[in-house]
Amino acid sequence: MINMVDDAQRERLAWEAAQAALALTTRFDRILLCSMRASEPIVRAVERAPPGRAASERDGHALLAFCKDNFAEGEHHERLRTS
């Protein structure tokens, strides 16, 4: 998880850092970009691109939508953290 993603510039930098981190290890398949000051603390989920496909800034949107649809507000980040 990368926290303090409080504006668009930090989101872009955090996305780049997440892509670099995913390229450096196979231990993690996704990194959450978060802002604990926001009403929705998960800003974006960045997932590893499947083999043969370049990473996209849209990666992770399906996971984020699932969390928002299936967990009460504020609960989704705790459930993701412990899964």
PDB file of N, CA and C in Angstrom:
ATOM      1  N   MET A   1       0.836  -1.163   0.000  1.00  0.00           N
ATOM      2  CA  MET A   1       0.000   0.000   0.000  1.00  0.00           C
ATOM      3  C   MET A   1       0.891   1.240   0.000  1.00  0.00           C
ATOM      4  N   ILE A   2       0.511   2.193  -0.839  1.00  0.00           N
ATOM      5  CA  ILE A   2       1.166   3.498  -0.834  1.00  0.00           C
ATOM      6  C   ILE A   2       0.135   4.498  -0.328  1.00  0.00           C
ATOM      7  N   ASN A   3       0.454   5.167   0.774  1.00  0.00           N
ATOM      8  CA  ASN A   3      -0.474   6.103   1.397  1.00  0.00           C
ATOM      9  C   ASN A   3      -0.099   7.540   1.028  1.00  0.00           C
ATOM     10  N   MET A   4      -0.942   8.479   1.412  1.00  0.00           N
ATOM     11  CA  MET A   4      -0.761   9.920   1.192  1.00  0.00           C
ATOM     12  C   MET A   4      -0.875  10.299  -0.282  1.00  0.00           C
ATOM     13  N   VAL A   5      -1.700   9.576  -1.018  1.00  0.00           N
ATOM     14  CA  VAL A   5      -1.974   9.894  -2.418  1.00  0.00           C
ATOM     15  C   VAL A   5      -3.149  10.882  -2.409  1.00  0.00           C
ATOM     16  N   ASP A   6      -2.836  12.135  -2.059  1.00  0.00           N
ATOM     17  CA  ASP A   6      -3.866  13.128  -1.758  1.00  0.00           C
ATOM     18  C   ASP A   6      -4.220  14.058  -2.913  1.00  0.00           C
ATOM     19  N   ASP A   7      -3.522  13.954  -4.050  1.00  0.00           N
ATOM     20  CA  ASP A   7      -3.854  14.812  -5.194  1.00  0.00           C
ATOM     21  C   ASP A   7      -3.393  14.119  -6.479  1.00  0.00           C
ATOM     22  N   ALA A   8      -3.726  14.719  -7.614  1.00  0.00           N
ATOM     23  CA  ALA A   8      -3.440  14.099  -8.916  1.00  0.00           C
ATOM     24  C   ALA A   8      -1.943  13.905  -9.157  1.00  0.00           C
ATOM     25  N   GLN A   9      -1.122  14.856  -8.762  1.00  0.00           N
ATOM     26  CA  GLN A   9       0.326  14.721  -8.965  1.00  0.00           C
ATOM     27  C   GLN A   9       0.882  13.557  -8.153  1.00  0.00           C
ATOM     28  N   ARG A  10       0.457  13.445  -6.906  1.00  0.00           N
ATOM     29  CA  ARG A  10       0.924  12.335  -6.065  1.00  0.00           C
ATOM     30  C   ARG A  10       0.384  11.001  -6.575  1.00  0.00           C
ATOM     31  N   GLU A  11      -0.821  11.016  -7.136  1.00  0.00           N
ATOM     32  CA  GLU A  11      -1.373   9.786  -7.700  1.00  0.00           C
ATOM     33  C   GLU A  11      -0.518   9.302  -8.876  1.00  0.00           C
ATOM     34  N   ARG A  12      -0.125  10.219  -9.742  1.00  0.00           N
ATOM     35  CA  ARG A  12       0.719   9.852 -10.886  1.00  0.00           C
ATOM     36  C   ARG A  12       2.055   9.286 -10.398  1.00  0.00           C
ATOM     37  N   LEU A  13       2.677   9.965  -9.437  1.00  0.00           N
ATOM     38  CA  LEU A  13       3.965   9.496  -8.909  1.00  0.00           C
ATOM     39  C   LEU A  13       3.820   8.156  -8.193  1.00  0.00           C
ATOM     40  N   ALA A  14       2.744   7.989  -7.437  1.00  0.00           N
ATOM     41  CA  ALA A  14       2.510   6.723  -6.732  1.00  0.00           C
ATOM     42  C   ALA A  14       2.259   5.592  -7.715  1.00  0.00           C
ATOM     43  N   TRP A  15       1.528   5.885  -8.802  1.00  0.00           N
ATOM     44  CA  TRP A  15       1.282   4.860  -9.824  1.00  0.00           C
ATOM     45  C   TRP A  15       2.610   4.411 -10.437  1.00  0.00           C
ATOM     46  N   GLU A  16       3.484   5.371 -10.737  1.00  0.00           N
ATOM     47  CA  GLU A  16       4.794   5.023 -11.290  1.00  0.00           C
ATOM     48  C   GLU A  16       5.605   4.198 -10.297  1.00  0.00           C
ATOM     49  N   ALA A  17       5.575   4.574  -9.025  1.00  0.00           N
ATOM     50  CA  ALA A  17       6.297   3.818  -7.996  1.00  0.00           C
ATOM     51  C   ALA A  17       5.728   2.408  -7.859  1.00  0.00           C
ATOM     52  N   ALA A  18       4.418   2.284  -7.934  1.00  0.00           N
ATOM     53  CA  ALA A  18       3.781   0.963  -7.838  1.00  0.00           C
ATOM     54  C   ALA A  18       4.191   0.079  -9.015  1.00  0.00           C
ATOM     55  N   GLN A  19       4.210   0.655 -10.212  1.00  0.00           N
ATOM     56  CA  GLN A  19       4.642  -0.118 -11.384  1.00  0.00           C
ATOM     57  C   GLN A  19       6.092  -0.591 -11.215  1.00  0.00           C
ATOM     58  N   ALA A  20       6.952   0.280 -10.722  1.00  0.00           N
ATOM     59  CA  ALA A  20       8.355  -0.094 -10.499  1.00  0.00           C
ATOM     60  C   ALA A  20       8.452  -1.196  -9.448  1.00  0.00           C
ATOM     61  N   ALA A  21       7.702  -1.074  -8.372  1.00  0.00           N
ATOM     62  CA  ALA A  21       7.731  -2.086  -7.311  1.00  0.00           C
ATOM     63  C   ALA A  21       7.256  -3.442  -7.825  1.00  0.00           C
ATOM     64  N   LEU A  22       6.191  -3.456  -8.620  1.00  0.00           N
ATOM     65  CA  LEU A  22       5.692  -4.715  -9.173  1.00  0.00           C
ATOM     66  C   LEU A  22       6.705  -5.335 -10.132  1.00  0.00           C
ATOM     67  N   ALA A  23       7.477  -4.513 -10.815  1.00  0.00           N
ATOM     68  CA  ALA A  23       8.497  -5.025 -11.735  1.00  0.00           C
ATOM     69  C   ALA A  23       9.686  -5.629 -10.991  1.00  0.00           C
ATOM     70  N   LEU A  24       9.896  -5.219  -9.758  1.00  0.00           N
ATOM     71  CA  LEU A  24      11.064  -5.663  -8.995  1.00  0.00           C
ATOM     72  C   LEU A  24      10.848  -6.960  -8.218  1.00  0.00           C
ATOM     73  N   THR A  25       9.594  -7.379  -8.046  1.00  0.00           N
ATOM     74  CA  THR A  25       9.337  -8.588  -7.265  1.00  0.00           C
ATOM     75  C   THR A  25       8.084  -9.296  -7.776  1.00  0.00           C
ATOM     76  N   THR A  26       8.019 -10.584  -7.528  1.00  0.00           N
ATOM     77  CA  THR A  26       6.798 -11.335  -7.831  1.00  0.00           C
ATOM     78  C   THR A  26       6.011 -11.628  -6.559  1.00  0.00           C
ATOM     79  N   ARG A  27       6.463 -11.090  -5.448  1.00  0.00           N
ATOM     80  CA  ARG A  27       5.821 -11.350  -4.154  1.00  0.00           C
ATOM     81  C   ARG A  27       4.416 -10.764  -4.074  1.00  0.00           C
ATOM     82  N   PHE A  28       4.187  -9.640  -4.754  1.00  0.00           N
ATOM     83  CA  PHE A  28       2.893  -8.974  -4.713  1.00  0.00           C
ATOM     84  C   PHE A  28       2.299  -8.903  -6.109  1.00  0.00           C
ATOM     85  N   ASP A  29       0.976  -8.998  -6.209  1.00  0.00           N
ATOM     86  CA  ASP A  29       0.288  -8.881  -7.496  1.00  0.00           C
ATOM     87  C   ASP A  29      -0.435  -7.553  -7.646  1.00  0.00           C
ATOM     88  N   ARG A  30      -0.614  -6.838  -6.538  1.00  0.00           N
ATOM     89  CA  ARG A  30      -1.294  -5.539  -6.615  1.00  0.00           C
ATOM     90  C   ARG A  30      -0.788  -4.640  -5.500  1.00  0.00           C
ATOM     91  N   ILE A  31      -0.876  -3.349  -5.761  1.00  0.00           N
ATOM     92  CA  ILE A  31      -0.522  -2.328  -4.776  1.00  0.00           C
ATOM     93  C   ILE A  31      -1.672  -1.331  -4.730  1.00  0.00           C
ATOM     94  N   LEU A  32      -2.120  -1.010  -3.534  1.00  0.00           N
ATOM     95  CA  LEU A  32      -3.202  -0.049  -3.361  1.00  0.00           C
ATOM     96  C   LEU A  32      -2.631   1.340  -3.144  1.00  0.00           C
ATOM     97  N   LEU A  33      -3.183   2.310  -3.863  1.00  0.00           N
ATOM     98  CA  LEU A  33      -2.843   3.713  -3.664  1.00  0.00           C
ATOM     99  C   LEU A  33      -3.948   4.291  -2.798  1.00  0.00           C
ATOM    100  N   CYS A  34      -3.595   4.886  -1.660  1.00  0.00           N
ATOM    101  CA  CYS A  34      -4.597   5.302  -0.681  1.00  0.00           C
ATOM    102  C   CYS A  34      -4.409   6.744  -0.225  1.00  0.00           C
ATOM    103  N   SER A  35      -5.521   7.309   0.222  1.00  0.00           N
ATOM    104  CA  SER A  35      -5.539   8.628   0.849  1.00  0.00           C
ATOM    105  C   SER A  35      -6.454   8.531   2.052  1.00  0.00           C
ATOM    106  N   MET A  36      -5.890   8.466   3.238  1.00  0.00           N
ATOM    107  CA  MET A  36      -6.696   8.303   4.444  1.00  0.00           C
ATOM    108  C   MET A  36      -7.484   9.567   4.774  1.00  0.00           C
ATOM    109  N   ARG A  37      -7.222  10.667   4.081  1.00  0.00           N
ATOM    110  CA  ARG A  37      -7.976  11.908   4.284  1.00  0.00           C
ATOM    111  C   ARG A  37      -9.263  11.943   3.469  1.00  0.00           C
ATOM    112  N   ALA A  38      -9.383  11.066   2.476  1.00  0.00           N
ATOM    113  CA  ALA A  38     -10.534  11.065   1.570  1.00  0.00           C
ATOM    114  C   ALA A  38     -11.675  10.243   2.147  1.00  0.00           C
ATOM    115  N   SER A  39     -12.897  10.541   1.693  1.00  0.00           N
ATOM    116  CA  SER A  39     -14.045   9.750   2.149  1.00  0.00           C
ATOM    117  C   SER A  39     -13.961   8.324   1.611  1.00  0.00           C
ATOM    118  N   GLU A  40     -13.356   8.143   0.445  1.00  0.00           N
ATOM    119  CA  GLU A  40     -13.064   6.811  -0.109  1.00  0.00           C
ATOM    120  C   GLU A  40     -11.550   6.645  -0.074  1.00  0.00           C
ATOM    121  N   PRO A  41     -11.015   5.949   0.922  1.00  0.00           N
ATOM    122  CA  PRO A  41      -9.559   5.919   1.111  1.00  0.00           C
ATOM    123  C   PRO A  41      -8.762   5.203   0.029  1.00  0.00           C
ATOM    124  N   ILE A  42      -9.380   4.282  -0.713  1.00  0.00           N
ATOM    125  CA  ILE A  42      -8.641   3.618  -1.786  1.00  0.00           C
ATOM    126  C   ILE A  42      -8.793   4.455  -3.047  1.00  0.00           C
ATOM    127  N   VAL A  43      -7.685   5.050  -3.484  1.00  0.00           N
ATOM    128  CA  VAL A  43      -7.681   5.896  -4.671  1.00  0.00           C
ATOM    129  C   VAL A  43      -7.637   5.041  -5.926  1.00  0.00           C
ATOM    130  N   ARG A  44      -6.769   4.036  -5.932  1.00  0.00           N
ATOM    131  CA  ARG A  44      -6.592   3.174  -7.102  1.00  0.00           C
ATOM    132  C   ARG A  44      -5.894   1.888  -6.677  1.00  0.00           C
ATOM    133  N   ALA A  45      -6.215   0.816  -7.356  1.00  0.00           N
ATOM    134  CA  ALA A  45      -5.511  -0.444  -7.182  1.00  0.00           C
ATOM    135  C   ALA A  45      -4.699  -0.680  -8.447  1.00  0.00           C
ATOM    136  N   VAL A  46      -3.400  -0.846  -8.297  1.00  0.00           N
ATOM    137  CA  VAL A  46      -2.508  -1.086  -9.432  1.00  0.00           C
ATOM    138  C   VAL A  46      -2.155  -2.572  -9.415  1.00  0.00           C
ATOM    139  N   GLU A  47      -2.477  -3.266 -10.500  1.00  0.00           N
ATOM    140  CA  GLU A  47      -2.223  -4.700 -10.571  1.00  0.00           C
ATOM    141  C   GLU A  47      -1.150  -5.011 -11.595  1.00  0.00           C
ATOM    142  N   ARG A  48      -0.470  -6.112 -11.357  1.00  0.00           N
ATOM    143  CA  ARG A  48       0.534  -6.589 -12.299  1.00  0.00           C
ATOM    144  C   ARG A  48      -0.158  -6.939 -13.612  1.00  0.00           C
ATOM    145  N   ALA A  49       0.415  -6.526 -14.722  1.00  0.00           N
ATOM    146  CA  ALA A  49      -0.137  -6.848 -16.042  1.00  0.00           C
ATOM    147  C   ALA A  49       0.106  -8.324 -16.337  1.00  0.00           C
ATOM    148  N   PRO A  50      -0.874  -9.002 -16.934  1.00  0.00           N
ATOM    149  CA  PRO A  50      -0.657 -10.399 -17.330  1.00  0.00           C
ATOM    150  C   PRO A  50       0.504 -10.491 -18.329  1.00  0.00           C
ATOM    151  N   PRO A  51       1.175 -11.635 -18.390  1.00  0.00           N
ATOM    152  CA  PRO A  51       2.277 -11.789 -19.346  1.00  0.00           C
ATOM    153  C   PRO A  51       1.834 -11.446 -20.768  1.00  0.00           C
ATOM    154  N   GLY A  52       2.656 -10.703 -21.480  1.00  0.00           N
ATOM    155  CA  GLY A  52       2.361 -10.361 -22.863  1.00  0.00           C
ATOM    156  C   GLY A  52       1.516  -9.118 -23.034  1.00  0.00           C
ATOM    157  N   ARG A  53       1.142  -8.470 -21.926  1.00  0.00           N
ATOM    158  CA  ARG A  53       0.339  -7.254 -22.023  1.00  0.00           C
ATOM    159  C   ARG A  53       0.995  -6.160 -21.200  1.00  0.00           C
ATOM    160  N   ALA A  54       1.096  -4.976 -21.764  1.00  0.00           N
ATOM    161  CA  ALA A  54       1.683  -3.846 -21.053  1.00  0.00           C
ATOM    162  C   ALA A  54       0.738  -3.383 -19.944  1.00  0.00           C
ATOM    163  N   ALA A  55       1.308  -2.835 -18.896  1.00  0.00           N
ATOM    164  CA  ALA A  55       0.505  -2.301 -17.793  1.00  0.00           C
ATOM    165  C   ALA A  55      -0.278  -1.081 -18.257  1.00  0.00           C
ATOM    166  N   SER A  56      -1.437  -0.899 -17.668  1.00  0.00           N
ATOM    167  CA  SER A  56      -2.311   0.224 -18.002  1.00  0.00           C
ATOM    168  C   SER A  56      -2.692   0.952 -16.729  1.00  0.00           C
ATOM    169  N   GLU A  57      -2.891   2.253 -16.831  1.00  0.00           N
ATOM    170  CA  GLU A  57      -3.337   3.011 -15.667  1.00  0.00           C
ATOM    171  C   GLU A  57      -4.735   2.589 -15.244  1.00  0.00           C
ATOM    172  N   ARG A  58      -5.454   1.889 -16.110  1.00  0.00           N
ATOM    173  CA  ARG A  58      -6.801   1.436 -15.769  1.00  0.00           C
ATOM    174  C   ARG A  58      -6.789   0.115 -15.003  1.00  0.00           C
ATOM    175  N   ASP A  59      -5.624  -0.524 -14.897  1.00  0.00           N
ATOM    176  CA  ASP A  59      -5.542  -1.775 -14.132  1.00  0.00           C
ATOM    177  C   ASP A  59      -5.994  -1.520 -12.699  1.00  0.00           C
ATOM    178  N   GLY A  60      -6.751  -2.433 -12.184  1.00  0.00           N
ATOM    179  CA  GLY A  60      -7.188  -2.328 -10.804  1.00  0.00           C
ATOM    180  C   GLY A  60      -8.555  -1.699 -10.616  1.00  0.00           C
ATOM    181  N   HIS A  61      -9.127  -1.088 -11.634  1.00  0.00           N
ATOM    182  CA  HIS A  61     -10.426  -0.443 -11.477  1.00  0.00           C
ATOM    183  C   HIS A  61     -11.519  -1.456 -11.166  1.00  0.00           C
ATOM    184  N   ALA A  62     -11.442  -2.649 -11.729  1.00  0.00           N
ATOM    185  CA  ALA A  62     -12.454  -3.672 -11.444  1.00  0.00           C
ATOM    186  C   ALA A  62     -12.389  -4.086  -9.976  1.00  0.00           C
ATOM    187  N   LEU A  63     -11.185  -4.223  -9.439  1.00  0.00           N
ATOM    188  CA  LEU A  63     -11.035  -4.568  -8.024  1.00  0.00           C
ATOM    189  C   LEU A  63     -11.614  -3.460  -7.144  1.00  0.00           C
ATOM    190  N   LEU A  64     -11.314  -2.231  -7.456  1.00  0.00           N
ATOM    191  CA  LEU A  64     -11.821  -1.103  -6.676  1.00  0.00           C
ATOM    192  C   LEU A  64     -13.347  -1.054  -6.730  1.00  0.00           C
ATOM    193  N   ALA A  65     -13.927  -1.243  -7.900  1.00  0.00           N
ATOM    194  CA  ALA A  65     -15.391  -1.241  -8.038  1.00  0.00           C
ATOM    195  C   ALA A  65     -16.009  -2.375  -7.221  1.00  0.00           C
ATOM    196  N   PHE A  66     -15.395  -3.553  -7.264  1.00  0.00           N
ATOM    197  CA  PHE A  66     -15.890  -4.684  -6.480  1.00  0.00           C
ATOM    198  C   PHE A  66     -15.911  -4.339  -4.995  1.00  0.00           C
ATOM    199  N   CYS A  67     -14.842  -3.740  -4.506  1.00  0.00           N
ATOM    200  CA  CYS A  67     -14.758  -3.396  -3.084  1.00  0.00           C
ATOM    201  C   CYS A  67     -15.834  -2.384  -2.691  1.00  0.00           C
ATOM    202  N   LYS A  68     -16.003  -1.369  -3.521  1.00  0.00           N
ATOM    203  CA  LYS A  68     -17.000  -0.344  -3.213  1.00  0.00           C
ATOM    204  C   LYS A  68     -18.409  -0.924  -3.230  1.00  0.00           C
ATOM    205  N   ASP A  69     -18.670  -1.888  -4.111  1.00  0.00           N
ATOM    206  CA  ASP A  69     -20.000  -2.483  -4.234  1.00  0.00           C
ATOM    207  C   ASP A  69     -20.298  -3.508  -3.142  1.00  0.00           C
ATOM    208  N   ASN A  70     -19.260  -4.124  -2.585  1.00  0.00           N
ATOM    209  CA  ASN A  70     -19.479  -5.249  -1.690  1.00  0.00           C
ATOM    210  C   ASN A  70     -19.153  -5.008  -0.222  1.00  0.00           C
ATOM    211  N   PHE A  71     -18.532  -3.898   0.110  1.00  0.00           N
ATOM    212  CA  PHE A  71     -18.188  -3.618   1.496  1.00  0.00           C
ATOM    213  C   PHE A  71     -18.763  -2.266   1.891  1.00  0.00           C
ATOM    214  N   ALA A  72     -19.117  -2.144   3.155  1.00  0.00           N
ATOM    215  CA  ALA A  72     -19.609  -0.863   3.668  1.00  0.00           C
ATOM    216  C   ALA A  72     -18.497   0.180   3.566  1.00  0.00           C
ATOM    217  N   GLU A  73     -18.880   1.451   3.506  1.00  0.00           N
ATOM    218  CA  GLU A  73     -17.891   2.528   3.392  1.00  0.00           C
ATOM    219  C   GLU A  73     -16.872   2.418   4.517  1.00  0.00           C
ATOM    220  N   GLY A  74     -15.607   2.484   4.158  1.00  0.00           N
ATOM    221  CA  GLY A  74     -14.533   2.389   5.130  1.00  0.00           C
ATOM    222  C   GLY A  74     -14.128   0.975   5.465  1.00  0.00           C
ATOM    223  N   GLU A  75     -14.986   0.007   5.169  1.00  0.00           N
ATOM    224  CA  GLU A  75     -14.694  -1.385   5.488  1.00  0.00           C
ATOM    225  C   GLU A  75     -13.818  -2.026   4.428  1.00  0.00           C
ATOM    226  N   HIS A  76     -13.941  -1.586   3.168  1.00  0.00           N
ATOM    227  CA  HIS A  76     -13.234  -2.280   2.087  1.00  0.00           C
ATOM    228  C   HIS A  76     -11.724  -2.221   2.245  1.00  0.00           C
ATOM    229  N   HIS A  77     -11.181  -1.128   2.739  1.00  0.00           N
ATOM    230  CA  HIS A  77      -9.722  -1.081   2.858  1.00  0.00           C
ATOM    231  C   HIS A  77      -9.232  -2.020   3.959  1.00  0.00           C
ATOM    232  N   GLU A  78      -9.996  -2.201   5.017  1.00  0.00           N
ATOM    233  CA  GLU A  78      -9.607  -3.137   6.075  1.00  0.00           C
ATOM    234  C   GLU A  78      -9.675  -4.564   5.571  1.00  0.00           C
ATOM    235  N   ARG A  79     -10.700  -4.916   4.821  1.00  0.00           N
ATOM    236  CA  ARG A  79     -10.818  -6.266   4.288  1.00  0.00           C
ATOM    237  C   ARG A  79      -9.699  -6.574   3.304  1.00  0.00           C
ATOM    238  N   LEU A  80      -9.336  -5.612   2.452  1.00  0.00           N
ATOM    239  CA  LEU A  80      -8.243  -5.844   1.510  1.00  0.00           C
ATOM    240  C   LEU A  80      -6.919  -6.007   2.252  1.00  0.00           C
ATOM    241  N   ARG A  81      -6.725  -5.210   3.309  1.00  0.00           N
ATOM    242  CA  ARG A  81      -5.481  -5.244   4.046  1.00  0.00           C
ATOM    243  C   ARG A  81      -5.246  -6.613   4.671  1.00  0.00           C
ATOM    244  N   THR A  82      -6.314  -7.259   5.103  1.00  0.00           N
ATOM    245  CA  THR A  82      -6.165  -8.538   5.804  1.00  0.00           C
ATOM    246  C   THR A  82      -6.299  -9.742   4.878  1.00  0.00           C
ATOM    247  N   SER A  83      -6.581  -9.524   3.596  1.00  0.00           N
ATOM    248  CA  SER A  83      -6.748 -10.677   2.706  1.00  0.00           C
ATOM    249  C   SER A  83      -5.444 -11.052   2.053  1.00  0.00           C
TER     250      SER A  83
END
